[in-house]
Amino acid sequence: MKRILCSTLSLCLLFTVAISLCACSGETPQDTEGVMIATKDEAGNPIGYERRYHNDNGDITRLDVYDNDQVYDHFVLYEYDDSNRLAKETTYRADGIGEFYYTYEYYDGGQISKKG
């Protein structure tokens, strides 16, 4: 019985250390590519889950959104211009039908001049 308890405690300690190392490692977007992540509101309350996908520059290209029960709700596609700035953001229902989109234009300095 003591052996089982010691083994279990050792595994728990190892798991805790591994999680701590990951949390402090400065993960890049590619480290979480497609991983379901819990989302919270400003007060820290759980509001659902999401999966993110990125291009080679680390920019998000797709966001899959799930509710608190992990039921697929909708997704958002992001497109970028030749200067790697967000050019278009389109939201689709879970069935793939587009709901709405935003396009972005920029001043020469890189600030958004128009969102529509």
PDB file of N, CA and C in Angstrom:
ATOM      1  N   MET A   1       0.822  -1.197   0.000  1.00  0.00           N
ATOM      2  CA  MET A   1       0.000   0.000   0.000  1.00  0.00           C
ATOM      3  C   MET A   1       0.862   1.256   0.000  1.00  0.00           C
ATOM      4  N   LYS A   2       1.959   1.231   0.787  1.00  0.00           N
ATOM      5  CA  LYS A   2       2.853   2.389   0.836  1.00  0.00           C
ATOM      6  C   LYS A   2       3.502   2.626  -0.518  1.00  0.00           C
ATOM      7  N   ARG A   3       3.837   1.546  -1.228  1.00  0.00           N
ATOM      8  CA  ARG A   3       4.447   1.683  -2.549  1.00  0.00           C
ATOM      9  C   ARG A   3       3.506   2.392  -3.517  1.00  0.00           C
ATOM     10  N   ILE A   4       2.232   1.996  -3.502  1.00  0.00           N
ATOM     11  CA  ILE A   4       1.252   2.610  -4.401  1.00  0.00           C
ATOM     12  C   ILE A   4       1.085   4.086  -4.070  1.00  0.00           C
ATOM     13  N   LEU A   5       0.996   4.395  -2.770  1.00  0.00           N
ATOM     14  CA  LEU A   5       0.846   5.777  -2.349  1.00  0.00           C
ATOM     15  C   LEU A   5       2.050   6.611  -2.764  1.00  0.00           C
ATOM     16  N   CYS A   6       3.257   6.079  -2.555  1.00  0.00           N
ATOM     17  CA  CYS A   6       4.479   6.801  -2.947  1.00  0.00           C
ATOM     18  C   CYS A   6       4.536   7.001  -4.458  1.00  0.00           C
ATOM     19  N   SER A   7       4.187   5.990  -5.204  1.00  0.00           N
ATOM     20  CA  SER A   7       4.196   6.103  -6.666  1.00  0.00           C
ATOM     21  C   SER A   7       3.201   7.147  -7.133  1.00  0.00           C
ATOM     22  N   THR A   8       2.016   7.135  -6.535  1.00  0.00           N
ATOM     23  CA  THR A   8       0.985   8.105  -6.906  1.00  0.00           C
ATOM     24  C   THR A   8       1.433   9.516  -6.578  1.00  0.00           C
ATOM     25  N   LEU A   9       1.996   9.714  -5.396  1.00  0.00           N
ATOM     26  CA  LEU A   9       2.484  11.035  -5.005  1.00  0.00           C
ATOM     27  C   LEU A   9       3.611  11.505  -5.919  1.00  0.00           C
ATOM     28  N   SER A  10       4.494  10.594  -6.301  1.00  0.00           N
ATOM     29  CA  SER A  10       5.591  10.944  -7.202  1.00  0.00           C
ATOM     30  C   SER A  10       5.068  11.394  -8.564  1.00  0.00           C
ATOM     31  N   LEU A  11       4.079  10.670  -9.082  1.00  0.00           N
ATOM     32  CA  LEU A  11       3.491  11.046 -10.364  1.00  0.00           C
ATOM     33  C   LEU A  11       2.791  12.395 -10.275  1.00  0.00           C
ATOM     34  N   CYS A  12       2.086  12.647  -9.183  1.00  0.00           N
ATOM     35  CA  CYS A  12       1.416  13.937  -9.007  1.00  0.00           C
ATOM     36  C   CYS A  12       2.434  15.070  -8.952  1.00  0.00           C
ATOM     37  N   LEU A  13       3.524  14.856  -8.250  1.00  0.00           N
ATOM     38  CA  LEU A  13       4.569  15.874  -8.144  1.00  0.00           C
ATOM     39  C   LEU A  13       5.193  16.132  -9.515  1.00  0.00           C
ATOM     40  N   LEU A  14       5.482  15.075 -10.254  1.00  0.00           N
ATOM     41  CA  LEU A  14       6.058  15.209 -11.581  1.00  0.00           C
ATOM     42  C   LEU A  14       5.102  15.961 -12.510  1.00  0.00           C
ATOM     43  N   PHE A  15       3.817  15.628 -12.452  1.00  0.00           N
ATOM     44  CA  PHE A  15       2.811  16.300 -13.268  1.00  0.00           C
ATOM     45  C   PHE A  15       2.739  17.786 -12.921  1.00  0.00           C
ATOM     46  N   THR A  16       2.757  18.117 -11.646  1.00  0.00           N
ATOM     47  CA  THR A  16       2.701  19.511 -11.202  1.00  0.00           C
ATOM     48  C   THR A  16       3.915  20.291 -11.689  1.00  0.00           C
ATOM     49  N   VAL A  17       5.086  19.703 -11.604  1.00  0.00           N
ATOM     50  CA  VAL A  17       6.310  20.361 -12.075  1.00  0.00           C
ATOM     51  C   VAL A  17       6.242  20.581 -13.583  1.00  0.00           C
ATOM     52  N   ALA A  18       5.770  19.589 -14.319  1.00  0.00           N
ATOM     53  CA  ALA A  18       5.672  19.712 -15.778  1.00  0.00           C
ATOM     54  C   ALA A  18       4.719  20.838 -16.169  1.00  0.00           C
ATOM     55  N   ILE A  19       3.589  20.940 -15.487  1.00  0.00           N
ATOM     56  CA  ILE A  19       2.634  22.007 -15.784  1.00  0.00           C
ATOM     57  C   ILE A  19       3.250  23.366 -15.469  1.00  0.00           C
ATOM     58  N   SER A  20       3.951  23.462 -14.355  1.00  0.00           N
ATOM     59  CA  SER A  20       4.588  24.726 -13.983  1.00  0.00           C
ATOM     60  C   SER A  20       5.620  25.146 -15.016  1.00  0.00           C
ATOM     61  N   LEU A  21       6.391  24.212 -15.510  1.00  0.00           N
ATOM     62  CA  LEU A  21       7.395  24.530 -16.521  1.00  0.00           C
ATOM     63  C   LEU A  21       6.743  25.018 -17.802  1.00  0.00           C
ATOM     64  N   CYS A  22       5.652  24.393 -18.208  1.00  0.00           N
ATOM     65  CA  CYS A  22       4.953  24.826 -19.423  1.00  0.00           C
ATOM     66  C   CYS A  22       4.383  26.229 -19.249  1.00  0.00           C
ATOM     67  N   ALA A  23       3.835  26.510 -18.083  1.00  0.00           N
ATOM     68  CA  ALA A  23       3.219  27.817 -17.854  1.00  0.00           C
ATOM     69  C   ALA A  23       4.237  28.935 -17.862  1.00  0.00           C
ATOM     70  N   CYS A  24       5.498  28.621 -17.539  1.00  0.00           N
ATOM     71  CA  CYS A  24       6.529  29.658 -17.460  1.00  0.00           C
ATOM     72  C   CYS A  24       7.448  29.661 -18.667  1.00  0.00           C
ATOM     73  N   SER A  25       7.165  28.847 -19.645  1.00  0.00           N
ATOM     74  CA  SER A  25       8.108  28.670 -20.741  1.00  0.00           C
ATOM     75  C   SER A  25       8.010  29.722 -21.829  1.00  0.00           C
ATOM     76  N   GLY A  26       7.036  30.616 -21.748  1.00  0.00           N
ATOM     77  CA  GLY A  26       6.879  31.619 -22.795  1.00  0.00           C
ATOM     78  C   GLY A  26       6.383  30.979 -24.080  1.00  0.00           C
ATOM     79  N   GLU A  27       5.309  30.208 -23.983  1.00  0.00           N
ATOM     80  CA  GLU A  27       4.778  29.490 -25.130  1.00  0.00           C
ATOM     81  C   GLU A  27       4.466  30.424 -26.289  1.00  0.00           C
ATOM     82  N   THR A  28       4.698  29.954 -27.480  1.00  0.00           N
ATOM     83  CA  THR A  28       4.358  30.691 -28.686  1.00  0.00           C
ATOM     84  C   THR A  28       2.988  30.212 -29.153  1.00  0.00           C
ATOM     85  N   PRO A  29       2.342  30.945 -30.066  1.00  0.00           N
ATOM     86  CA  PRO A  29       1.041  30.491 -30.562  1.00  0.00           C
ATOM     87  C   PRO A  29       1.086  29.074 -31.122  1.00  0.00           C
ATOM     88  N   GLN A  30       2.182  28.702 -31.753  1.00  0.00           N
ATOM     89  CA  GLN A  30       2.274  27.367 -32.334  1.00  0.00           C
ATOM     90  C   GLN A  30       2.261  26.280 -31.261  1.00  0.00           C
ATOM     91  N   ASP A  31       2.661  26.614 -30.017  1.00  0.00           N
ATOM     92  CA  ASP A  31       2.641  25.628 -28.944  1.00  0.00           C
ATOM     93  C   ASP A  31       1.221  25.221 -28.579  1.00  0.00           C
ATOM     94  N   THR A  32       0.256  26.091 -28.844  1.00  0.00           N
ATOM     95  CA  THR A  32      -1.133  25.813 -28.495  1.00  0.00           C
ATOM     96  C   THR A  32      -1.999  25.634 -29.741  1.00  0.00           C
ATOM     97  N   GLU A  33      -1.394  25.406 -30.870  1.00  0.00           N
ATOM     98  CA  GLU A  33      -2.100  25.267 -32.146  1.00  0.00           C
ATOM     99  C   GLU A  33      -3.188  24.199 -32.045  1.00  0.00           C
ATOM    100  N   GLY A  34      -4.447  24.617 -32.182  1.00  0.00           N
ATOM    101  CA  GLY A  34      -5.561  23.684 -32.191  1.00  0.00           C
ATOM    102  C   GLY A  34      -5.934  23.100 -30.844  1.00  0.00           C
ATOM    103  N   VAL A  35      -5.319  23.546 -29.765  1.00  0.00           N
ATOM    104  CA  VAL A  35      -5.611  23.027 -28.431  1.00  0.00           C
ATOM    105  C   VAL A  35      -6.825  23.768 -27.876  1.00  0.00           C
ATOM    106  N   MET A  36      -7.768  23.024 -27.292  1.00  0.00           N
ATOM    107  CA  MET A  36      -8.938  23.670 -26.713  1.00  0.00           C
ATOM    108  C   MET A  36      -8.529  24.362 -25.412  1.00  0.00           C
ATOM    109  N   ILE A  37      -8.832  25.667 -25.330  1.00  0.00           N
ATOM    110  CA  ILE A  37      -8.446  26.492 -24.190  1.00  0.00           C
ATOM    111  C   ILE A  37      -9.704  27.100 -23.583  1.00  0.00           C
ATOM    112  N   ALA A  38      -9.814  27.033 -22.256  1.00  0.00           N
ATOM    113  CA  ALA A  38     -10.951  27.646 -21.569  1.00  0.00           C
ATOM    114  C   ALA A  38     -10.821  29.163 -21.641  1.00  0.00           C
ATOM    115  N   THR A  39     -11.946  29.852 -21.837  1.00  0.00           N
ATOM    116  CA  THR A  39     -11.949  31.311 -21.860  1.00  0.00           C
ATOM    117  C   THR A  39     -12.762  31.824 -20.681  1.00  0.00           C
ATOM    118  N   LYS A  40     -12.399  33.012 -20.214  1.00  0.00           N
ATOM    119  CA  LYS A  40     -13.070  33.611 -19.059  1.00  0.00           C
ATOM    120  C   LYS A  40     -13.393  35.068 -19.344  1.00  0.00           C
ATOM    121  N   ASP A  41     -14.396  35.591 -18.648  1.00  0.00           N
ATOM    122  CA  ASP A  41     -14.720  37.009 -18.775  1.00  0.00           C
ATOM    123  C   ASP A  41     -13.800  37.820 -17.868  1.00  0.00           C
ATOM    124  N   GLU A  42     -14.012  39.130 -17.816  1.00  0.00           N
ATOM    125  CA  GLU A  42     -13.142  40.017 -17.039  1.00  0.00           C
ATOM    126  C   GLU A  42     -13.139  39.676 -15.552  1.00  0.00           C
ATOM    127  N   ALA A  43     -14.239  39.093 -15.056  1.00  0.00           N
ATOM    128  CA  ALA A  43     -14.338  38.738 -13.637  1.00  0.00           C
ATOM    129  C   ALA A  43     -13.745  37.358 -13.346  1.00  0.00           C
ATOM    130  N   GLY A  44     -13.262  36.672 -14.391  1.00  0.00           N
ATOM    131  CA  GLY A  44     -12.663  35.355 -14.204  1.00  0.00           C
ATOM    132  C   GLY A  44     -13.648  34.206 -14.281  1.00  0.00           C
ATOM    133  N   ASN A  45     -14.882  34.488 -14.690  1.00  0.00           N
ATOM    134  CA  ASN A  45     -15.899  33.439 -14.813  1.00  0.00           C
ATOM    135  C   ASN A  45     -15.745  32.717 -16.148  1.00  0.00           C
ATOM    136  N   PRO A  46     -15.849  31.379 -16.141  1.00  0.00           N
ATOM    137  CA  PRO A  46     -15.740  30.639 -17.403  1.00  0.00           C
ATOM    138  C   PRO A  46     -16.884  31.000 -18.349  1.00  0.00           C
ATOM    139  N   ILE A  47     -16.534  31.247 -19.619  1.00  0.00           N
ATOM    140  CA  ILE A  47     -17.565  31.599 -20.600  1.00  0.00           C
ATOM    141  C   ILE A  47     -17.565  30.668 -21.805  1.00  0.00           C
ATOM    142  N   GLY A  48     -16.617  29.762 -21.885  1.00  0.00           N
ATOM    143  CA  GLY A  48     -16.577  28.829 -23.002  1.00  0.00           C
ATOM    144  C   GLY A  48     -15.166  28.352 -23.282  1.00  0.00           C
ATOM    145  N   TYR A  49     -14.974  27.921 -24.522  1.00  0.00           N
ATOM    146  CA  TYR A  49     -13.687  27.382 -24.953  1.00  0.00           C
ATOM    147  C   TYR A  49     -13.393  27.867 -26.359  1.00  0.00           C
ATOM    148  N   GLU A  50     -12.121  27.809 -26.731  1.00  0.00           N
ATOM    149  CA  GLU A  50     -11.745  28.169 -28.095  1.00  0.00           C
ATOM    150  C   GLU A  50     -10.520  27.370 -28.529  1.00  0.00           C
ATOM    151  N   ARG A  51     -10.403  27.244 -29.829  1.00  0.00           N
ATOM    152  CA  ARG A  51      -9.209  26.659 -30.463  1.00  0.00           C
ATOM    153  C   ARG A  51      -8.693  27.702 -31.433  1.00  0.00           C
ATOM    154  N   ARG A  52      -7.385  27.938 -31.430  1.00  0.00           N
ATOM    155  CA  ARG A  52      -6.778  28.941 -32.312  1.00  0.00           C
ATOM    156  C   ARG A  52      -5.811  28.280 -33.279  1.00  0.00           C
ATOM    157  N   TYR A  53      -5.783  28.834 -34.478  1.00  0.00           N
ATOM    158  CA  TYR A  53      -4.855  28.371 -35.508  1.00  0.00           C
ATOM    159  C   TYR A  53      -4.126  29.595 -36.045  1.00  0.00           C
ATOM    160  N   HIS A  54      -2.844  29.431 -36.364  1.00  0.00           N
ATOM    161  CA  HIS A  54      -1.993  30.565 -36.736  1.00  0.00           C
ATOM    162  C   HIS A  54      -1.261  30.314 -38.050  1.00  0.00           C
ATOM    163  N   ASN A  55      -0.842  31.414 -38.694  1.00  0.00           N
ATOM    164  CA  ASN A  55       0.011  31.297 -39.872  1.00  0.00           C
ATOM    165  C   ASN A  55       1.477  31.255 -39.420  1.00  0.00           C
ATOM    166  N   ASP A  56       2.395  31.210 -40.365  1.00  0.00           N
ATOM    167  CA  ASP A  56       3.823  31.121 -40.040  1.00  0.00           C
ATOM    168  C   ASP A  56       4.340  32.349 -39.299  1.00  0.00           C
ATOM    169  N   ASN A  57       3.637  33.482 -39.418  1.00  0.00           N
ATOM    170  CA  ASN A  57       4.045  34.706 -38.719  1.00  0.00           C
ATOM    171  C   ASN A  57       3.538  34.755 -37.283  1.00  0.00           C
ATOM    172  N   GLY A  58       2.729  33.767 -36.896  1.00  0.00           N
ATOM    173  CA  GLY A  58       2.158  33.754 -35.556  1.00  0.00           C
ATOM    174  C   GLY A  58       0.821  34.468 -35.462  1.00  0.00           C
ATOM    175  N   ASP A  59       0.307  34.972 -36.597  1.00  0.00           N
ATOM    176  CA  ASP A  59      -0.981  35.649 -36.611  1.00  0.00           C
ATOM    177  C   ASP A  59      -2.105  34.620 -36.597  1.00  0.00           C
ATOM    178  N   ILE A  60      -3.141  34.905 -35.842  1.00  0.00           N
ATOM    179  CA  ILE A  60      -4.277  33.994 -35.799  1.00  0.00           C
ATOM    180  C   ILE A  60      -4.992  34.017 -37.149  1.00  0.00           C
ATOM    181  N   THR A  61      -5.315  32.831 -37.675  1.00  0.00           N
ATOM    182  CA  THR A  61      -6.008  32.726 -38.953  1.00  0.00           C
ATOM    183  C   THR A  61      -7.412  32.159 -38.790  1.00  0.00           C
ATOM    184  N   ARG A  62      -7.624  31.414 -37.711  1.00  0.00           N
ATOM    185  CA  ARG A  62      -8.941  30.818 -37.453  1.00  0.00           C
ATOM    186  C   ARG A  62      -9.134  30.686 -35.952  1.00  0.00           C
ATOM    187  N   LEU A  63     -10.352  30.970 -35.525  1.00  0.00           N
ATOM    188  CA  LEU A  63     -10.728  30.835 -34.129  1.00  0.00           C
ATOM    189  C   LEU A  63     -12.020  30.034 -34.082  1.00  0.00           C
ATOM    190  N   ASP A  64     -11.977  28.848 -33.489  1.00  0.00           N
ATOM    191  CA  ASP A  64     -13.175  28.035 -33.292  1.00  0.00           C
ATOM    192  C   ASP A  64     -13.686  28.300 -31.886  1.00  0.00           C
ATOM    193  N   VAL A  65     -14.978  28.593 -31.748  1.00  0.00           N
ATOM    194  CA  VAL A  65     -15.555  28.979 -30.460  1.00  0.00           C
ATOM    195  C   VAL A  65     -16.579  27.933 -30.013  1.00  0.00           C
ATOM    196  N   TYR A  66     -16.483  27.556 -28.739  1.00  0.00           N
ATOM    197  CA  TYR A  66     -17.360  26.560 -28.132  1.00  0.00           C
ATOM    198  C   TYR A  66     -18.021  27.162 -26.896  1.00  0.00           C
ATOM    199  N   ASP A  67     -19.210  26.655 -26.542  1.00  0.00           N
ATOM    200  CA  ASP A  67     -19.861  27.140 -25.329  1.00  0.00           C
ATOM    201  C   ASP A  67     -19.298  26.407 -24.104  1.00  0.00           C
ATOM    202  N   ASN A  68     -19.858  26.665 -22.927  1.00  0.00           N
ATOM    203  CA  ASN A  68     -19.357  26.069 -21.689  1.00  0.00           C
ATOM    204  C   ASN A  68     -19.452  24.551 -21.670  1.00  0.00           C
ATOM    205  N   ASP A  69     -20.354  23.985 -22.463  1.00  0.00           N
ATOM    206  CA  ASP A  69     -20.497  22.530 -22.538  1.00  0.00           C
ATOM    207  C   ASP A  69     -19.635  21.929 -23.650  1.00  0.00           C
ATOM    208  N   GLN A  70     -18.749  22.740 -24.219  1.00  0.00           N
ATOM    209  CA  GLN A  70     -17.849  22.365 -25.304  1.00  0.00           C
ATOM    210  C   GLN A  70     -18.602  21.991 -26.585  1.00  0.00           C
ATOM    211  N   VAL A  71     -19.767  22.613 -26.776  1.00  0.00           N
ATOM    212  CA  VAL A  71     -20.531  22.442 -28.007  1.00  0.00           C
ATOM    213  C   VAL A  71     -20.082  23.526 -28.981  1.00  0.00           C
ATOM    214  N   TYR A  72     -19.742  23.105 -30.186  1.00  0.00           N
ATOM    215  CA  TYR A  72     -19.244  24.014 -31.218  1.00  0.00           C
ATOM    216  C   TYR A  72     -20.290  25.078 -31.521  1.00  0.00           C
ATOM    217  N   ASP A  73     -19.909  26.363 -31.456  1.00  0.00           N
ATOM    218  CA  ASP A  73     -20.851  27.455 -31.637  1.00  0.00           C
ATOM    219  C   ASP A  73     -20.644  28.192 -32.961  1.00  0.00           C
ATOM    220  N   HIS A  74     -19.432  28.687 -33.208  1.00  0.00           N
ATOM    221  CA  HIS A  74     -19.132  29.418 -34.437  1.00  0.00           C
ATOM    222  C   HIS A  74     -17.624  29.475 -34.652  1.00  0.00           C
ATOM    223  N   PHE A  75     -17.228  30.021 -35.805  1.00  0.00           N
ATOM    224  CA  PHE A  75     -15.801  30.207 -36.045  1.00  0.00           C
ATOM    225  C   PHE A  75     -15.574  31.540 -36.745  1.00  0.00           C
ATOM    226  N   VAL A  76     -14.345  32.034 -36.615  1.00  0.00           N
ATOM    227  CA  VAL A  76     -13.957  33.313 -37.206  1.00  0.00           C
ATOM    228  C   VAL A  76     -12.708  33.078 -38.042  1.00  0.00           C
ATOM    229  N   LEU A  77     -12.705  33.597 -39.266  1.00  0.00           N
ATOM    230  CA  LEU A  77     -11.527  33.526 -40.130  1.00  0.00           C
ATOM    231  C   LEU A  77     -10.909  34.915 -40.225  1.00  0.00           C
ATOM    232  N   TYR A  78      -9.583  34.974 -40.188  1.00  0.00           N
ATOM    233  CA  TYR A  78      -8.851  36.232 -40.263  1.00  0.00           C
ATOM    234  C   TYR A  78      -7.958  36.218 -41.491  1.00  0.00           C
ATOM    235  N   GLU A  79      -8.001  37.302 -42.283  1.00  0.00           N
ATOM    236  CA  GLU A  79      -7.165  37.437 -43.474  1.00  0.00           C
ATOM    237  C   GLU A  79      -6.257  38.647 -43.297  1.00  0.00           C
ATOM    238  N   TYR A  80      -5.052  38.580 -43.874  1.00  0.00           N
ATOM    239  CA  TYR A  80      -4.047  39.625 -43.709  1.00  0.00           C
ATOM    240  C   TYR A  80      -3.625  40.181 -45.061  1.00  0.00           C
ATOM    241  N   ASP A  81      -3.213  41.456 -45.075  1.00  0.00           N
ATOM    242  CA  ASP A  81      -2.744  42.082 -46.308  1.00  0.00           C
ATOM    243  C   ASP A  81      -1.256  41.784 -46.522  1.00  0.00           C
ATOM    244  N   ASP A  82      -0.689  42.352 -47.585  1.00  0.00           N
ATOM    245  CA  ASP A  82       0.718  42.099 -47.912  1.00  0.00           C
ATOM    246  C   ASP A  82       1.679  42.627 -46.854  1.00  0.00           C
ATOM    247  N   SER A  83       1.218  43.565 -46.027  1.00  0.00           N
ATOM    248  CA  SER A  83       2.048  44.108 -44.942  1.00  0.00           C
ATOM    249  C   SER A  83       1.805  43.370 -43.631  1.00  0.00           C
ATOM    250  N   ASN A  84       1.116  42.221 -43.711  1.00  0.00           N
ATOM    251  CA  ASN A  84       0.835  41.372 -42.559  1.00  0.00           C
ATOM    252  C   ASN A  84      -0.063  42.051 -41.530  1.00  0.00           C
ATOM    253  N   ARG A  85      -0.953  42.940 -42.006  1.00  0.00           N
ATOM    254  CA  ARG A  85      -1.930  43.597 -41.137  1.00  0.00           C
ATOM    255  C   ARG A  85      -3.287  42.945 -41.357  1.00  0.00           C
ATOM    256  N   LEU A  86      -4.094  42.890 -40.315  1.00  0.00           N
ATOM    257  CA  LEU A  86      -5.428  42.318 -40.432  1.00  0.00           C
ATOM    258  C   LEU A  86      -6.219  43.070 -41.489  1.00  0.00           C
ATOM    259  N   ALA A  87      -6.729  42.345 -42.482  1.00  0.00           N
ATOM    260  CA  ALA A  87      -7.469  42.960 -43.575  1.00  0.00           C
ATOM    261  C   ALA A  87      -8.957  42.627 -43.510  1.00  0.00           C
ATOM    262  N   LYS A  88      -9.284  41.421 -43.036  1.00  0.00           N
ATOM    263  CA  LYS A  88     -10.681  41.015 -43.001  1.00  0.00           C
ATOM    264  C   LYS A  88     -10.885  39.989 -41.884  1.00  0.00           C
ATOM    265  N   GLU A  89     -12.019  40.119 -41.217  1.00  0.00           N
ATOM    266  CA  GLU A  89     -12.407  39.230 -40.120  1.00  0.00           C
ATOM    267  C   GLU A  89     -13.842  38.796 -40.407  1.00  0.00           C
ATOM    268  N   THR A  90     -14.068  37.492 -40.628  1.00  0.00           N
ATOM    269  CA  THR A  90     -15.385  36.999 -40.989  1.00  0.00           C
ATOM    270  C   THR A  90     -15.856  35.967 -39.978  1.00  0.00           C
ATOM    271  N   THR A  91     -17.078  36.148 -39.475  1.00  0.00           N
ATOM    272  CA  THR A  91     -17.660  35.221 -38.506  1.00  0.00           C
ATOM    273  C   THR A  91     -18.673  34.333 -39.214  1.00  0.00           C
ATOM    274  N   TYR A  92     -18.570  33.032 -38.958  1.00  0.00           N
ATOM    275  CA  TYR A  92     -19.450  32.038 -39.550  1.00  0.00           C
ATOM    276  C   TYR A  92     -20.172  31.268 -38.454  1.00  0.00           C
ATOM    277  N   ARG A  93     -21.406  30.896 -38.728  1.00  0.00           N
ATOM    278  CA  ARG A  93     -22.121  30.003 -37.820  1.00  0.00           C
ATOM    279  C   ARG A  93     -21.462  28.630 -37.875  1.00  0.00           C
ATOM    280  N   ALA A  94     -21.813  27.779 -36.934  1.00  0.00           N
ATOM    281  CA  ALA A  94     -21.239  26.434 -36.890  1.00  0.00           C
ATOM    282  C   ALA A  94     -21.519  25.653 -38.174  1.00  0.00           C
ATOM    283  N   ASP A  95     -22.624  25.957 -38.854  1.00  0.00           N
ATOM    284  CA  ASP A  95     -22.962  25.246 -40.093  1.00  0.00           C
ATOM    285  C   ASP A  95     -22.249  25.805 -41.322  1.00  0.00           C
ATOM    286  N   GLY A  96     -21.372  26.811 -41.113  1.00  0.00           N
ATOM    287  CA  GLY A  96     -20.568  27.347 -42.205  1.00  0.00           C
ATOM    288  C   GLY A  96     -21.169  28.540 -42.926  1.00  0.00           C
ATOM    289  N   ILE A  97     -22.344  28.974 -42.518  1.00  0.00           N
ATOM    290  CA  ILE A  97     -22.975  30.132 -43.158  1.00  0.00           C
ATOM    291  C   ILE A  97     -22.404  31.406 -42.540  1.00  0.00           C
ATOM    292  N   GLY A  98     -21.911  32.305 -43.403  1.00  0.00           N
ATOM    293  CA  GLY A  98     -21.328  33.555 -42.936  1.00  0.00           C
ATOM    294  C   GLY A  98     -22.378  34.451 -42.300  1.00  0.00           C
ATOM    295  N   GLU A  99     -22.054  35.023 -41.152  1.00  0.00           N
ATOM    296  CA  GLU A  99     -22.989  35.911 -40.460  1.00  0.00           C
ATOM    297  C   GLU A  99     -22.652  37.375 -40.700  1.00  0.00           C
ATOM    298  N   PHE A 100     -21.390  37.749 -40.517  1.00  0.00           N
ATOM    299  CA  PHE A 100     -20.978  39.126 -40.746  1.00  0.00           C
ATOM    300  C   PHE A 100     -19.469  39.191 -40.888  1.00  0.00           C
ATOM    301  N   TYR A 101     -18.987  40.328 -41.396  1.00  0.00           N
ATOM    302  CA  TYR A 101     -17.543  40.498 -41.539  1.00  0.00           C
ATOM    303  C   TYR A 101     -17.166  41.952 -41.330  1.00  0.00           C
ATOM    304  N   TYR A 102     -15.898  42.148 -41.028  1.00  0.00           N
ATOM    305  CA  TYR A 102     -15.302  43.474 -40.925  1.00  0.00           C
ATOM    306  C   TYR A 102     -14.114  43.518 -41.871  1.00  0.00           C
ATOM    307  N   THR A 103     -13.930  44.645 -42.536  1.00  0.00           N
ATOM    308  CA  THR A 103     -12.711  44.864 -43.314  1.00  0.00           C
ATOM    309  C   THR A 103     -11.948  45.997 -42.655  1.00  0.00           C
ATOM    310  N   TYR A 104     -10.645  46.000 -42.834  1.00  0.00           N
ATOM    311  CA  TYR A 104      -9.789  46.991 -42.198  1.00  0.00           C
ATOM    312  C   TYR A 104      -8.934  47.699 -43.235  1.00  0.00           C
ATOM    313  N   GLU A 105      -8.821  49.009 -43.100  1.00  0.00           N
ATOM    314  CA  GLU A 105      -7.906  49.812 -43.910  1.00  0.00           C
ATOM    315  C   GLU A 105      -7.010  50.580 -42.946  1.00  0.00           C
ATOM    316  N   TYR A 106      -5.823  50.952 -43.439  1.00  0.00           N
ATOM    317  CA  TYR A 106      -4.817  51.545 -42.560  1.00  0.00           C
ATOM    318  C   TYR A 106      -4.249  52.843 -43.129  1.00  0.00           C
ATOM    319  N   TYR A 107      -3.877  53.751 -42.218  1.00  0.00           N
ATOM    320  CA  TYR A 107      -3.104  54.933 -42.586  1.00  0.00           C
ATOM    321  C   TYR A 107      -1.678  54.479 -42.887  1.00  0.00           C
ATOM    322  N   ASP A 108      -0.881  55.352 -43.488  1.00  0.00           N
ATOM    323  CA  ASP A 108       0.501  55.016 -43.796  1.00  0.00           C
ATOM    324  C   ASP A 108       1.290  54.627 -42.549  1.00  0.00           C
ATOM    325  N   GLY A 109       0.946  55.196 -41.395  1.00  0.00           N
ATOM    326  CA  GLY A 109       1.647  54.903 -40.150  1.00  0.00           C
ATOM    327  C   GLY A 109       1.283  53.560 -39.536  1.00  0.00           C
ATOM    328  N   GLY A 110       0.302  52.856 -40.133  1.00  0.00           N
ATOM    329  CA  GLY A 110      -0.073  51.546 -39.644  1.00  0.00           C
ATOM    330  C   GLY A 110      -1.288  51.535 -38.729  1.00  0.00           C
ATOM    331  N   GLN A 111      -1.825  52.709 -38.376  1.00  0.00           N
ATOM    332  CA  GLN A 111      -3.022  52.759 -37.548  1.00  0.00           C
ATOM    333  C   GLN A 111      -4.254  52.486 -38.395  1.00  0.00           C
ATOM    334  N   ILE A 112      -5.264  51.861 -37.782  1.00  0.00           N
ATOM    335  CA  ILE A 112      -6.495  51.570 -38.513  1.00  0.00           C
ATOM    336  C   ILE A 112      -7.189  52.877 -38.860  1.00  0.00           C
ATOM    337  N   SER A 113      -7.492  53.035 -40.156  1.00  0.00           N
ATOM    338  CA  SER A 113      -8.187  54.232 -40.615  1.00  0.00           C
ATOM    339  C   SER A 113      -9.676  53.965 -40.814  1.00  0.00           C
ATOM    340  N   LYS A 114     -10.006  52.699 -41.074  1.00  0.00           N
ATOM    341  CA  LYS A 114     -11.406  52.378 -41.349  1.00  0.00           C
ATOM    342  C   LYS A 114     -11.667  50.926 -41.001  1.00  0.00           C
ATOM    343  N   LYS A 115     -12.743  50.709 -40.256  1.00  0.00           N
ATOM    344  CA  LYS A 115     -13.218  49.366 -39.959  1.00  0.00           C
ATOM    345  C   LYS A 115     -14.661  49.322 -40.382  1.00  0.00           C
ATOM    346  N   GLY A 116     -14.980  48.453 -41.306  1.00  0.00           N
ATOM    347  CA  GLY A 116     -16.356  48.428 -41.792  1.00  0.00           C
ATOM    348  C   GLY A 116     -16.759  47.090 -42.308  1.00  0.00           C
TER     349      GLY A 116
END
